[in-house]
């Protein structure tokens, strides 16, 4: 504060300034420090309501900075922590005194909920993947992008009727669902997936399901046919086909199998991670009791890595020629004299006829070379194979030849060479099958060809040990012992 002191001279004055003391400033600083200390030390003792109100006041933006809302996620987390130990009455008082917090809480709760919806559809006859995707809600351009990505791992043209497609869409409240991924199930173990990727658009990959194995014992008495008995005993079709092929070198299933015959089989089941059955696996051991004979066979891997079936003496069941080079066919005409169904007079029938639907696969009866493949008179579409030991086999009346079958081509035993038809002089779809040895016709059902291999020495000893292990395993499963099944892994 300034003081004015009058002097004797007219209109003259001296201005004196009062000097401030330092003590008031020290007291003011001390008072300010005490206030700050009180605020810092007393903050933690505040009630949750006051803490939250204080934080709201601190975070409340001024009118000059806009009217932004606090982050909903942080708000929801803080409110949840505050509510944890509060009673309904406490919350009612708190909400009444803090209406702005209740409004913010309702806004956080009303945020759209994101969910994933899956839809499974099947490929129908004549359908295409493009049509299916567009029909299920994808834009044509997006569907084209998905299919282009899929082509990197799988050709969409290979999709077949009945294949399952699983489509996944992301739903966000009132927004349009957004396509996320597609799973195309090709078989029980193979799936291809196309998924949305933030960086690369759509990305495709293959998914292969790793399957486990468990041994299963099956046995039954044959009352009508081997097929019916096996299916009724719970044997998968894949296993039955292996059984038929293994015994097709020694058994004529049309004539040799009679009611009262029996079989027993040890085979593998392929299962998923949950132990659920997926498909049949390999036959490990089998024994067929027919016409007073017992014919056991054992699966064995030689020291060279070759897997084959051998009898109890270590002789391969695979012989030079198969008796029946077709699966699931009915013997409609045997070898010998018969009245010809078209010519109307009796003549020698120099082969076997197997009636089957058009298109049924026909297999090569043995390893050999194609000598002729083409049209041949009354035989229609005709194949002649040359085999070791001066054997030849003939296949006639086929609807068509398999890919790659031409003169000079090599074929393996069991390889598909053609398909059943009714070309040439034929009254219906069937396979006419002949066997020639050294230029003469022989009865295919009685031809006795040597085994493919006989084990000897150390190989035979290894086989006998493996045979014993399979017999022990089969006996342990007599009462479907689940423990024994779980312990066995091939």
Protein backbone atom coordinates (compact mmCIF):
# COMPACT_ATOMS: atom_id res chain seq x y z
CA UNK A 1 0.00 0.00 0.00
CA UNK A 2 1.34 3.51 -0.88
CA UNK A 3 1.18 6.50 1.52
CA UNK A 4 1.18 10.16 0.42
CA UNK A 5 2.91 12.69 2.75
CA UNK A 6 2.10 16.40 2.13
CA UNK A 7 4.99 18.89 2.05
CA UNK A 8 5.09 22.58 2.74
CA UNK A 9 5.53 23.44 -0.89
CA UNK A 10 2.33 23.82 -2.79
CA UNK A 11 1.31 20.91 -4.93
CA UNK A 12 4.22 18.81 -3.75
CA UNK A 13 4.13 15.39 -2.09
CA UNK A 14 6.44 12.53 -1.31
CA UNK A 15 5.36 8.94 -2.00
CA UNK A 16 6.53 6.46 0.65
CA UNK A 17 6.25 2.71 0.00
CA UNK A 18 5.56 0.30 2.85
CA UNK A 19 7.84 -2.64 2.91
CA UNK A 20 6.11 -6.02 3.27
CA UNK A 21 7.29 -8.40 5.90
CA UNK A 22 8.30 -12.03 5.08
CA UNK A 23 6.33 -13.69 7.87
CA UNK A 24 2.91 -13.58 6.15
CA UNK A 25 4.35 -15.30 3.12
CA UNK A 26 5.82 -18.07 5.25
CA UNK A 27 2.51 -18.60 7.04
CA UNK A 28 0.68 -18.76 3.71
CA UNK A 29 3.10 -21.37 2.31
CA UNK A 30 2.82 -23.46 5.47
CA UNK A 31 -0.95 -23.30 5.33
CA UNK A 32 -0.91 -24.39 1.65
CA UNK A 33 1.37 -27.36 2.45
CA UNK A 34 -0.97 -28.46 5.26
CA UNK A 35 -3.93 -28.35 2.90
CA UNK A 36 -2.12 -30.46 0.27
CA UNK A 37 -1.02 -32.96 2.92
CA UNK A 38 -4.55 -33.30 4.21
CA UNK A 39 -5.89 -33.91 0.72
CA UNK A 40 -3.25 -36.55 -0.08
CA UNK A 41 -3.47 -38.42 3.24
CA UNK A 42 -7.23 -38.24 3.55
CA UNK A 43 -8.06 -39.39 -0.02
CA UNK A 44 -7.90 -43.10 0.72
CA UNK A 45 -10.28 -42.77 3.65
CA UNK A 46 -13.05 -41.42 1.48
CA UNK A 47 -16.12 -43.55 0.85
CA UNK A 48 -16.46 -45.21 -2.62
CA UNK A 49 -19.26 -42.79 -3.38
CA UNK A 50 -17.07 -39.74 -2.68
CA UNK A 51 -14.11 -41.29 -4.46
CA UNK A 52 -16.13 -41.84 -7.58
CA UNK A 53 -17.76 -38.37 -7.33
CA UNK A 54 -14.31 -36.77 -6.95
CA UNK A 55 -12.97 -38.69 -9.92
CA UNK A 56 -16.01 -37.63 -11.93
CA UNK A 57 -15.38 -33.97 -11.10
CA UNK A 58 -11.72 -34.31 -12.06
CA UNK A 59 -12.50 -36.04 -15.33
CA UNK A 60 -15.45 -33.78 -16.24
CA UNK A 61 -14.38 -31.76 -19.29
CA UNK A 62 -14.92 -28.03 -19.40
CA UNK A 63 -17.40 -26.48 -21.76
CA UNK A 64 -14.55 -25.28 -23.91
CA UNK A 65 -13.29 -28.82 -24.62
CA UNK A 66 -16.52 -30.46 -25.75
CA UNK A 67 -18.94 -32.92 -24.18
CA UNK A 68 -17.16 -36.30 -24.58
CA UNK A 69 -18.42 -39.32 -22.60
CA UNK A 70 -16.08 -41.52 -20.47
CA UNK A 71 -15.01 -44.80 -22.01
CA UNK A 72 -17.82 -47.34 -21.56
CA UNK A 73 -15.51 -50.29 -20.89
CA UNK A 74 -13.58 -48.50 -18.10
CA UNK A 75 -16.83 -47.19 -16.66
CA UNK A 76 -18.41 -50.65 -16.57
CA UNK A 77 -15.33 -52.14 -14.86
CA UNK A 78 -15.23 -49.41 -12.17
CA UNK A 79 -18.96 -49.61 -11.47
CA UNK A 80 -18.76 -53.43 -11.21
CA UNK A 81 -15.96 -53.16 -8.64
CA UNK A 82 -17.96 -50.59 -6.65
CA UNK A 83 -21.18 -52.64 -6.69
CA UNK A 84 -19.50 -55.87 -5.61
CA UNK A 85 -20.14 -55.48 -1.85
CA UNK A 86 -23.12 -53.13 -1.91
CA UNK A 87 -26.63 -54.02 -0.83
CA UNK A 88 -29.69 -53.07 -2.94
CA UNK A 89 -30.60 -50.32 -0.43
CA UNK A 90 -27.15 -48.78 -0.66
CA UNK A 91 -27.30 -48.82 -4.45
CA UNK A 92 -30.73 -47.17 -4.43
CA UNK A 93 -29.39 -44.27 -2.32
CA UNK A 94 -26.29 -44.05 -4.51
CA UNK A 95 -28.26 -43.97 -7.77
CA UNK A 96 -30.64 -41.34 -6.39
CA UNK A 97 -27.76 -39.05 -5.49
CA UNK A 98 -25.85 -39.74 -8.71
CA UNK A 99 -28.37 -39.79 -11.59
CA UNK A 100 -25.68 -39.06 -14.19
CA UNK A 101 -23.91 -42.34 -13.27
CA UNK A 102 -27.10 -44.38 -13.72
CA UNK A 103 -27.50 -42.88 -17.19
CA UNK A 104 -23.93 -43.78 -18.15
CA UNK A 105 -24.39 -47.29 -16.81
CA UNK A 106 -27.48 -47.83 -18.94
CA UNK A 107 -25.58 -46.60 -21.98
CA UNK A 108 -22.82 -49.15 -21.32
CA UNK A 109 -25.33 -51.96 -20.96
CA UNK A 110 -27.03 -51.05 -24.22
CA UNK A 111 -23.84 -51.57 -26.29
CA UNK A 112 -24.54 -54.07 -29.15
CA UNK A 113 -23.79 -57.71 -28.29
CA UNK A 114 -21.58 -59.53 -30.82
CA UNK A 115 -22.43 -63.19 -31.48
CA UNK A 116 -21.39 -65.81 -34.01
CA UNK A 117 -24.11 -67.74 -35.83
CA UNK A 118 -23.34 -70.94 -37.75
CA UNK A 119 -25.47 -72.48 -40.47
CA UNK A 120 -24.97 -75.90 -42.05
CA UNK A 121 -26.14 -76.51 -45.61
CA UNK A 122 -25.59 -79.41 -48.03
CA UNK A 123 -24.62 -79.30 -51.67
CA UNK A 124 -27.66 -80.41 -53.67
CA UNK A 125 -27.79 -81.98 -57.12
CA UNK A 126 -26.70 -79.48 -59.77
CA UNK A 127 -25.76 -76.87 -57.18
CA UNK A 128 -22.58 -74.76 -57.32
CA UNK A 129 -20.65 -73.16 -54.49
CA UNK A 130 -21.25 -69.69 -55.96
CA UNK A 131 -25.02 -70.19 -56.05
CA UNK A 132 -25.00 -71.57 -52.51
CA UNK A 133 -23.06 -68.61 -51.06
CA UNK A 134 -25.19 -66.02 -52.82
CA UNK A 135 -28.34 -67.83 -51.73
CA UNK A 136 -27.16 -67.72 -48.11
CA UNK A 137 -26.68 -63.94 -48.11
CA UNK A 138 -23.23 -63.13 -49.53
CA UNK A 139 -22.78 -60.49 -52.18
CA UNK A 140 -21.69 -62.00 -55.49
CA UNK A 141 -18.38 -60.12 -55.39
CA UNK A 142 -17.64 -61.36 -51.87
CA UNK A 143 -18.60 -64.91 -52.83
CA UNK A 144 -16.19 -64.69 -55.78
CA UNK A 145 -13.40 -63.59 -53.41
CA UNK A 146 -14.12 -66.54 -51.09
CA UNK A 147 -14.02 -69.04 -53.97
CA UNK A 148 -10.79 -67.53 -55.32
CA UNK A 149 -9.15 -68.01 -51.92
CA UNK A 150 -10.48 -71.58 -51.75
CA UNK A 151 -8.85 -72.45 -55.08
CA UNK A 152 -5.41 -72.14 -53.48
CA UNK A 153 -5.98 -75.37 -51.50
CA UNK A 154 -8.94 -77.08 -53.18
CA UNK A 155 -10.61 -77.18 -56.59
CA UNK A 156 -14.28 -76.18 -56.11
CA UNK A 157 -15.20 -78.34 -59.11
CA UNK A 158 -14.48 -81.39 -56.96
CA UNK A 159 -17.37 -80.56 -54.64
CA UNK A 160 -19.91 -83.36 -54.74
CA UNK A 161 -23.58 -83.66 -53.93
CA UNK A 162 -24.04 -84.21 -50.20
CA UNK A 163 -20.88 -82.35 -49.10
CA UNK A 164 -21.63 -80.24 -46.02
CA UNK A 165 -20.82 -76.51 -45.91
CA UNK A 166 -20.76 -74.68 -42.55
CA UNK A 167 -21.11 -70.89 -42.85
CA UNK A 168 -20.41 -68.56 -39.91
CA UNK A 169 -21.79 -65.00 -39.66
CA UNK A 170 -21.05 -62.32 -37.05
CA UNK A 171 -24.19 -60.64 -35.70
CA UNK A 172 -24.06 -57.16 -34.08
CA UNK A 173 -27.50 -56.08 -33.01
CA UNK A 174 -29.37 -54.25 -35.74
CA UNK A 175 -26.41 -54.32 -38.15
CA UNK A 176 -26.35 -56.64 -41.15
CA UNK A 177 -24.65 -60.01 -40.36
CA UNK A 178 -21.03 -60.12 -41.56
CA UNK A 179 -19.71 -63.30 -43.20
CA UNK A 180 -16.68 -64.64 -41.27
CA UNK A 181 -15.71 -68.12 -42.46
CA UNK A 182 -16.73 -71.23 -44.40
CA UNK A 183 -15.91 -74.86 -43.61
CA UNK A 184 -16.32 -77.41 -46.39
CA UNK A 185 -16.37 -80.97 -45.06
CA UNK A 186 -15.06 -83.29 -47.78
CA UNK A 187 -14.92 -86.50 -45.73
CA UNK A 188 -14.78 -87.47 -42.04
CA UNK A 189 -11.09 -86.56 -41.80
CA UNK A 190 -10.59 -83.78 -44.37
CA UNK A 191 -11.99 -80.23 -44.22
CA UNK A 192 -11.06 -77.01 -46.02
CA UNK A 193 -11.70 -73.60 -44.44
CA UNK A 194 -11.86 -70.06 -45.78
CA UNK A 195 -11.75 -67.40 -43.03
CA UNK A 196 -11.83 -63.62 -43.01
CA UNK A 197 -8.44 -62.08 -42.16
CA UNK A 198 -8.03 -58.40 -41.27
CA UNK A 199 -4.69 -58.16 -43.08
CA UNK A 200 -5.17 -60.40 -46.11
CA UNK A 201 -8.90 -60.50 -46.84
CA UNK A 202 -9.86 -64.20 -47.00
CA UNK A 203 -7.34 -66.96 -46.32
CA UNK A 204 -7.85 -70.69 -47.06
CA UNK A 205 -6.31 -73.69 -45.32
CA UNK A 206 -6.68 -77.46 -45.14
CA UNK A 207 -7.65 -79.18 -41.90
CA UNK A 208 -6.84 -82.88 -41.48
CA UNK A 209 -8.30 -84.70 -38.49
CA UNK A 210 -5.81 -87.05 -36.85
CA UNK A 211 -7.57 -90.31 -36.00
CA UNK A 212 -6.72 -92.84 -33.34
CA UNK A 213 -7.24 -96.59 -33.56
CA UNK A 214 -8.68 -99.26 -31.34
CA UNK A 215 -9.01 -103.01 -31.94
CA UNK A 216 -12.45 -104.59 -32.15
CA UNK A 217 -13.50 -108.23 -32.21
CA UNK A 218 -16.43 -109.36 -34.33
CA UNK A 219 -17.81 -112.87 -34.88
CA UNK A 220 -21.05 -114.34 -36.16
CA UNK A 221 -22.73 -117.33 -37.76
CA UNK A 222 -23.74 -117.02 -41.41
CA UNK A 223 -27.44 -117.66 -41.93
CA UNK A 224 -28.02 -116.18 -45.39
CA UNK A 225 -24.87 -114.43 -46.67
CA UNK A 226 -21.50 -113.27 -45.39
CA UNK A 227 -22.47 -109.68 -46.12
CA UNK A 228 -25.64 -109.75 -43.99
CA UNK A 229 -23.92 -111.59 -41.14
CA UNK A 230 -21.02 -109.13 -41.07
CA UNK A 231 -23.22 -106.02 -41.16
CA UNK A 232 -25.50 -107.39 -38.43
CA UNK A 233 -22.41 -108.09 -36.30
CA UNK A 234 -21.42 -104.42 -36.51
CA UNK A 235 -18.58 -104.80 -39.01
CA UNK A 236 -17.96 -101.66 -41.12
CA UNK A 237 -18.31 -102.06 -44.87
CA UNK A 238 -14.66 -101.05 -45.39
CA UNK A 239 -13.57 -103.98 -43.23
CA UNK A 240 -15.90 -106.43 -44.97
CA UNK A 241 -14.47 -105.47 -48.39
CA UNK A 242 -10.94 -106.17 -47.13
CA UNK A 243 -12.10 -109.54 -45.84
CA UNK A 244 -13.71 -110.47 -49.16
CA UNK A 245 -10.60 -109.52 -51.13
CA UNK A 246 -8.28 -111.40 -48.80
CA UNK A 247 -10.34 -114.60 -49.13
CA UNK A 248 -11.19 -114.16 -52.82
CA UNK A 249 -8.07 -116.18 -53.77
CA UNK A 250 -9.42 -119.33 -52.05
CA UNK A 251 -13.17 -118.86 -51.67
CA UNK A 252 -15.96 -118.70 -54.23
CA UNK A 253 -18.42 -116.66 -52.20
CA UNK A 254 -21.33 -117.75 -54.38
CA UNK A 255 -20.80 -121.48 -53.92
CA UNK A 256 -18.54 -122.11 -50.93
CA UNK A 257 -20.39 -120.06 -48.28
CA UNK A 258 -23.28 -121.99 -46.75
CA UNK A 259 -25.71 -121.38 -43.84
CA UNK A 260 -24.06 -122.50 -40.60
CA UNK A 261 -20.57 -121.32 -41.58
CA UNK A 262 -18.86 -118.99 -39.11
CA UNK A 263 -16.29 -116.22 -39.11
CA UNK A 264 -14.32 -114.25 -36.54
CA UNK A 265 -12.43 -111.04 -37.26
CA UNK A 266 -10.07 -108.74 -35.39
CA UNK A 267 -9.97 -105.30 -36.99
CA UNK A 268 -9.26 -101.67 -36.24
CA UNK A 269 -11.75 -98.87 -35.79
CA UNK A 270 -10.64 -95.32 -36.57
CA UNK A 271 -11.88 -92.91 -33.89
CA UNK A 272 -11.67 -89.16 -33.25
CA UNK A 273 -10.33 -87.35 -30.18
CA UNK A 274 -13.54 -88.11 -28.28
CA UNK A 275 -13.35 -91.83 -29.02
CA UNK A 276 -16.26 -91.63 -31.47
CA UNK A 277 -16.26 -94.05 -34.41
CA UNK A 278 -15.33 -92.44 -37.75
CA UNK A 279 -14.71 -95.37 -40.11
CA UNK A 280 -13.36 -98.89 -40.29
CA UNK A 281 -9.64 -99.56 -40.34
CA UNK A 282 -7.42 -102.51 -41.24
CA UNK A 283 -8.17 -106.19 -40.76
CA UNK A 284 -5.56 -107.67 -38.39
CA UNK A 285 -6.74 -111.28 -38.14
CA UNK A 286 -9.62 -113.36 -39.46
CA UNK A 287 -10.72 -116.95 -39.49
CA UNK A 288 -13.41 -118.40 -41.76
CA UNK A 289 -14.97 -121.76 -40.99
CA UNK A 290 -16.64 -123.15 -44.11
CA UNK A 291 -17.36 -126.67 -45.43
CA UNK A 292 -15.36 -128.27 -42.65
CA UNK A 293 -12.30 -126.09 -43.34
CA UNK A 294 -10.78 -123.43 -41.08
CA UNK A 295 -8.94 -120.71 -42.98
CA UNK A 296 -7.07 -118.26 -40.71
CA UNK A 297 -5.28 -115.22 -42.12
CA UNK A 298 -2.97 -112.71 -40.38
CA UNK A 299 -1.88 -109.22 -41.39
CA UNK A 300 1.91 -109.02 -41.30
CA UNK A 301 4.49 -106.39 -42.32
CA UNK A 302 7.66 -107.93 -43.71
CA UNK A 303 11.15 -106.62 -43.00
CA UNK A 304 10.99 -104.91 -46.42
CA UNK A 305 7.93 -102.92 -45.29
CA UNK A 306 5.37 -104.85 -47.38
CA UNK A 307 2.03 -105.52 -45.65
CA UNK A 308 0.10 -108.60 -46.73
CA UNK A 309 -2.07 -111.43 -45.41
CA UNK A 310 -0.48 -114.78 -44.61
CA UNK A 311 -1.95 -118.08 -43.49
CA UNK A 312 -0.86 -119.79 -40.25
CA UNK A 313 2.13 -121.37 -42.04
CA UNK A 314 3.53 -118.08 -43.31
CA UNK A 315 2.29 -118.48 -46.89
CA UNK A 316 0.86 -115.42 -48.60
CA UNK A 317 -2.85 -115.70 -49.32
CA UNK A 318 -2.26 -113.57 -52.39
CA UNK A 319 -1.96 -115.95 -55.31
CA UNK A 320 -1.27 -115.45 -58.97
CA UNK A 321 -4.99 -115.04 -59.73
CA UNK A 322 -8.12 -114.08 -57.85
CA UNK A 323 -11.13 -116.38 -58.05
CA UNK A 324 -13.63 -113.48 -58.17
CA UNK A 325 -12.31 -110.22 -59.68
CA UNK A 326 -15.44 -108.25 -58.73
CA UNK A 327 -16.98 -107.22 -55.41
CA UNK A 328 -20.59 -107.79 -54.45
CA UNK A 329 -21.59 -109.64 -57.62
CA UNK A 330 -23.86 -112.67 -57.98
CA UNK A 331 -22.63 -115.72 -59.88
CA UNK A 332 -25.29 -116.00 -62.60
CA UNK A 333 -23.70 -118.73 -64.74
CA UNK A 334 -20.99 -121.27 -63.96
CA UNK A 335 -18.35 -123.07 -65.98
CA UNK A 336 -19.51 -125.97 -68.25
CA UNK A 337 -22.26 -126.93 -70.71
CA UNK A 338 -25.40 -124.80 -70.63
CA UNK A 339 -28.24 -123.70 -72.87
CA UNK A 340 -27.22 -120.35 -74.36
CA UNK A 341 -29.81 -117.68 -73.41
CA UNK A 342 -29.64 -115.98 -76.85
CA UNK A 343 -28.65 -118.73 -79.33
CA UNK A 344 -31.12 -121.19 -77.79
CA UNK A 345 -28.94 -124.33 -77.89
CA UNK A 346 -26.49 -125.95 -75.49
CA UNK A 347 -22.83 -125.13 -75.76
CA UNK A 348 -19.78 -125.00 -73.54
CA UNK A 349 -19.63 -121.97 -71.28
CA UNK A 350 -15.90 -121.48 -70.83
CA UNK A 351 -15.95 -118.97 -68.01
CA UNK A 352 -17.96 -117.52 -65.12
CA UNK A 353 -20.68 -114.86 -65.37
CA UNK A 354 -21.10 -112.40 -62.50
CA UNK A 355 -24.33 -110.38 -62.57
CA UNK A 356 -23.92 -106.85 -61.19
CA UNK A 357 -25.29 -103.34 -61.83
CA UNK A 358 -23.86 -101.38 -64.73
CA UNK A 359 -20.79 -99.45 -63.62
CA UNK A 360 -19.65 -101.93 -60.95
CA UNK A 361 -15.80 -101.88 -60.88
CA UNK A 362 -13.93 -104.88 -62.34
CA UNK A 363 -10.47 -105.68 -60.96
CA UNK A 364 -7.42 -107.29 -62.53
CA UNK A 365 -7.28 -110.86 -61.24
CA UNK A 366 -3.48 -110.66 -60.98
CA UNK A 367 -0.39 -108.68 -61.88
CA UNK A 368 0.06 -108.59 -65.62
CA UNK A 369 0.25 -106.74 -68.93
CA UNK A 370 -2.68 -105.67 -71.12
CA UNK A 371 -2.47 -107.68 -74.38
CA UNK A 372 -5.73 -106.36 -75.83
CA UNK A 373 -8.29 -103.72 -74.86
CA UNK A 374 -11.09 -102.90 -77.29
CA UNK A 375 -14.17 -104.19 -79.07
CA UNK A 376 -14.23 -107.92 -79.90
CA UNK A 377 -17.31 -109.43 -81.58
CA UNK A 378 -19.85 -111.04 -79.29
CA UNK A 379 -17.65 -110.25 -76.26
CA UNK A 380 -18.36 -106.54 -76.64
CA UNK A 381 -15.80 -104.40 -74.79
CA UNK A 382 -13.04 -106.88 -74.03
CA UNK A 383 -9.73 -106.99 -72.10
CA UNK A 384 -7.09 -109.75 -72.19
CA UNK A 385 -4.30 -109.78 -69.58
CA UNK A 386 -1.07 -111.82 -69.61
CA UNK A 387 0.16 -113.07 -66.20
CA UNK A 388 3.24 -114.97 -64.98
CA UNK A 389 3.39 -118.77 -65.28
CA UNK A 390 1.62 -118.73 -68.70
CA UNK A 391 -1.77 -117.63 -67.38
CA UNK A 392 -4.18 -115.30 -69.22
CA UNK A 393 -7.47 -113.77 -68.04
CA UNK A 394 -10.34 -112.37 -70.15
CA UNK A 395 -12.99 -109.79 -69.15
CA UNK A 396 -15.98 -109.18 -71.46
CA UNK A 397 -19.23 -107.21 -71.93
CA UNK A 398 -17.83 -104.16 -70.08
CA UNK A 399 -19.53 -100.77 -70.38
CA UNK A 400 -16.19 -98.97 -70.54
CA UNK A 401 -12.49 -99.27 -69.71
CA UNK A 402 -10.72 -97.64 -66.78
CA UNK A 403 -8.41 -94.71 -67.41
CA UNK A 404 -4.97 -95.77 -68.65
CA UNK A 405 -6.01 -99.25 -69.77
CA UNK A 406 -4.53 -99.81 -73.23
CA UNK A 407 -2.37 -102.37 -74.98
CA UNK A 408 1.02 -102.73 -73.28
CA UNK A 409 -0.02 -101.14 -69.96
CA UNK A 410 1.02 -102.88 -66.73
CA UNK A 411 -1.61 -103.54 -64.08
CA UNK A 412 -1.49 -104.65 -60.46
CA UNK A 413 -3.66 -107.28 -58.85
CA UNK A 414 -6.86 -105.67 -57.59
CA UNK A 415 -6.48 -102.58 -59.80
CA UNK A 416 -9.72 -101.45 -61.48
CA UNK A 417 -9.48 -102.07 -65.23
CA UNK A 418 -13.10 -101.58 -66.32
CA UNK A 419 -16.77 -101.46 -65.38
CA UNK A 420 -19.69 -103.86 -65.74
CA UNK A 421 -21.91 -103.40 -68.79
CA UNK A 422 -23.97 -105.35 -71.31
CA UNK A 423 -22.10 -104.81 -74.59
CA UNK A 424 -21.84 -107.57 -77.21
CA UNK A 425 -24.05 -110.66 -77.07
CA UNK A 426 -25.54 -110.13 -73.61
CA UNK A 427 -28.99 -110.28 -72.02
CA UNK A 428 -28.15 -107.98 -69.10
CA UNK A 429 -25.30 -106.24 -67.26
CA UNK A 430 -22.71 -108.76 -66.11
CA UNK A 431 -19.02 -109.68 -66.27
CA UNK A 432 -17.91 -112.67 -68.31
CA UNK A 433 -14.60 -113.89 -66.84
CA UNK A 434 -12.29 -116.54 -68.32
CA UNK A 435 -8.93 -118.06 -67.31
CA UNK A 436 -6.54 -119.67 -69.82
CA UNK A 437 -3.46 -121.68 -68.89
CA UNK A 438 -0.95 -122.53 -71.63
CA UNK A 439 -3.60 -121.82 -74.26
CA UNK A 440 -6.40 -123.98 -72.73
CA UNK A 441 -9.52 -122.89 -70.88
CA UNK A 442 -9.64 -123.76 -67.16
CA UNK A 443 -12.39 -123.38 -64.58
CA UNK A 444 -11.69 -120.06 -62.77
CA UNK A 445 -13.34 -121.34 -59.60
CA UNK A 446 -11.04 -124.36 -59.29
CA UNK A 447 -7.76 -123.06 -60.69
CA UNK A 448 -4.97 -123.63 -58.17
CA UNK A 449 -2.23 -121.04 -58.56
CA UNK A 450 0.86 -120.91 -56.32
CA UNK A 451 1.02 -118.42 -53.40
CA UNK A 452 2.75 -115.13 -53.99
CA UNK A 453 5.35 -115.64 -51.22
CA UNK A 454 6.32 -118.13 -48.50
CA UNK A 455 8.18 -116.79 -45.46
CA UNK A 456 11.36 -118.55 -44.38
CA UNK A 457 14.16 -118.28 -41.81
CA UNK A 458 14.22 -115.22 -39.59
CA UNK A 459 11.27 -113.71 -41.46
CA UNK A 460 9.17 -116.74 -40.59
CA UNK A 461 10.19 -116.48 -36.92
CA UNK A 462 9.16 -112.82 -36.84
CA UNK A 463 5.83 -113.72 -38.42
CA UNK A 464 5.13 -116.51 -35.90
CA UNK A 465 5.72 -114.08 -33.02
CA UNK A 466 3.44 -111.48 -34.62
CA UNK A 467 0.80 -114.18 -35.20
CA UNK A 468 0.88 -115.13 -31.51
CA UNK A 469 0.52 -111.50 -30.44
CA UNK A 470 -2.58 -111.11 -32.62
CA UNK A 471 -4.12 -114.29 -31.22
CA UNK A 472 -3.50 -113.07 -27.65
CA UNK A 473 -5.05 -109.71 -28.45
CA UNK A 474 -8.08 -111.38 -30.05
CA UNK A 475 -8.60 -113.56 -26.95
CA UNK A 476 -8.27 -110.53 -24.64
CA UNK A 477 -11.14 -108.83 -26.48
CA UNK A 478 -13.50 -111.78 -26.08
CA UNK A 479 -15.63 -109.79 -23.62
CA UNK A 480 -15.02 -106.39 -25.26
CA UNK A 481 -12.36 -105.45 -22.72
CA UNK A 482 -12.14 -101.65 -23.04
CA UNK A 483 -8.85 -101.57 -21.13
CA UNK A 484 -7.22 -103.89 -23.62
CA UNK A 485 -8.62 -101.82 -26.47
CA UNK A 486 -7.18 -98.62 -25.04
CA UNK A 487 -3.72 -100.13 -24.55
CA UNK A 488 -3.39 -101.35 -28.12
CA UNK A 489 -2.09 -98.93 -30.74
CA UNK A 490 -0.75 -99.87 -34.11
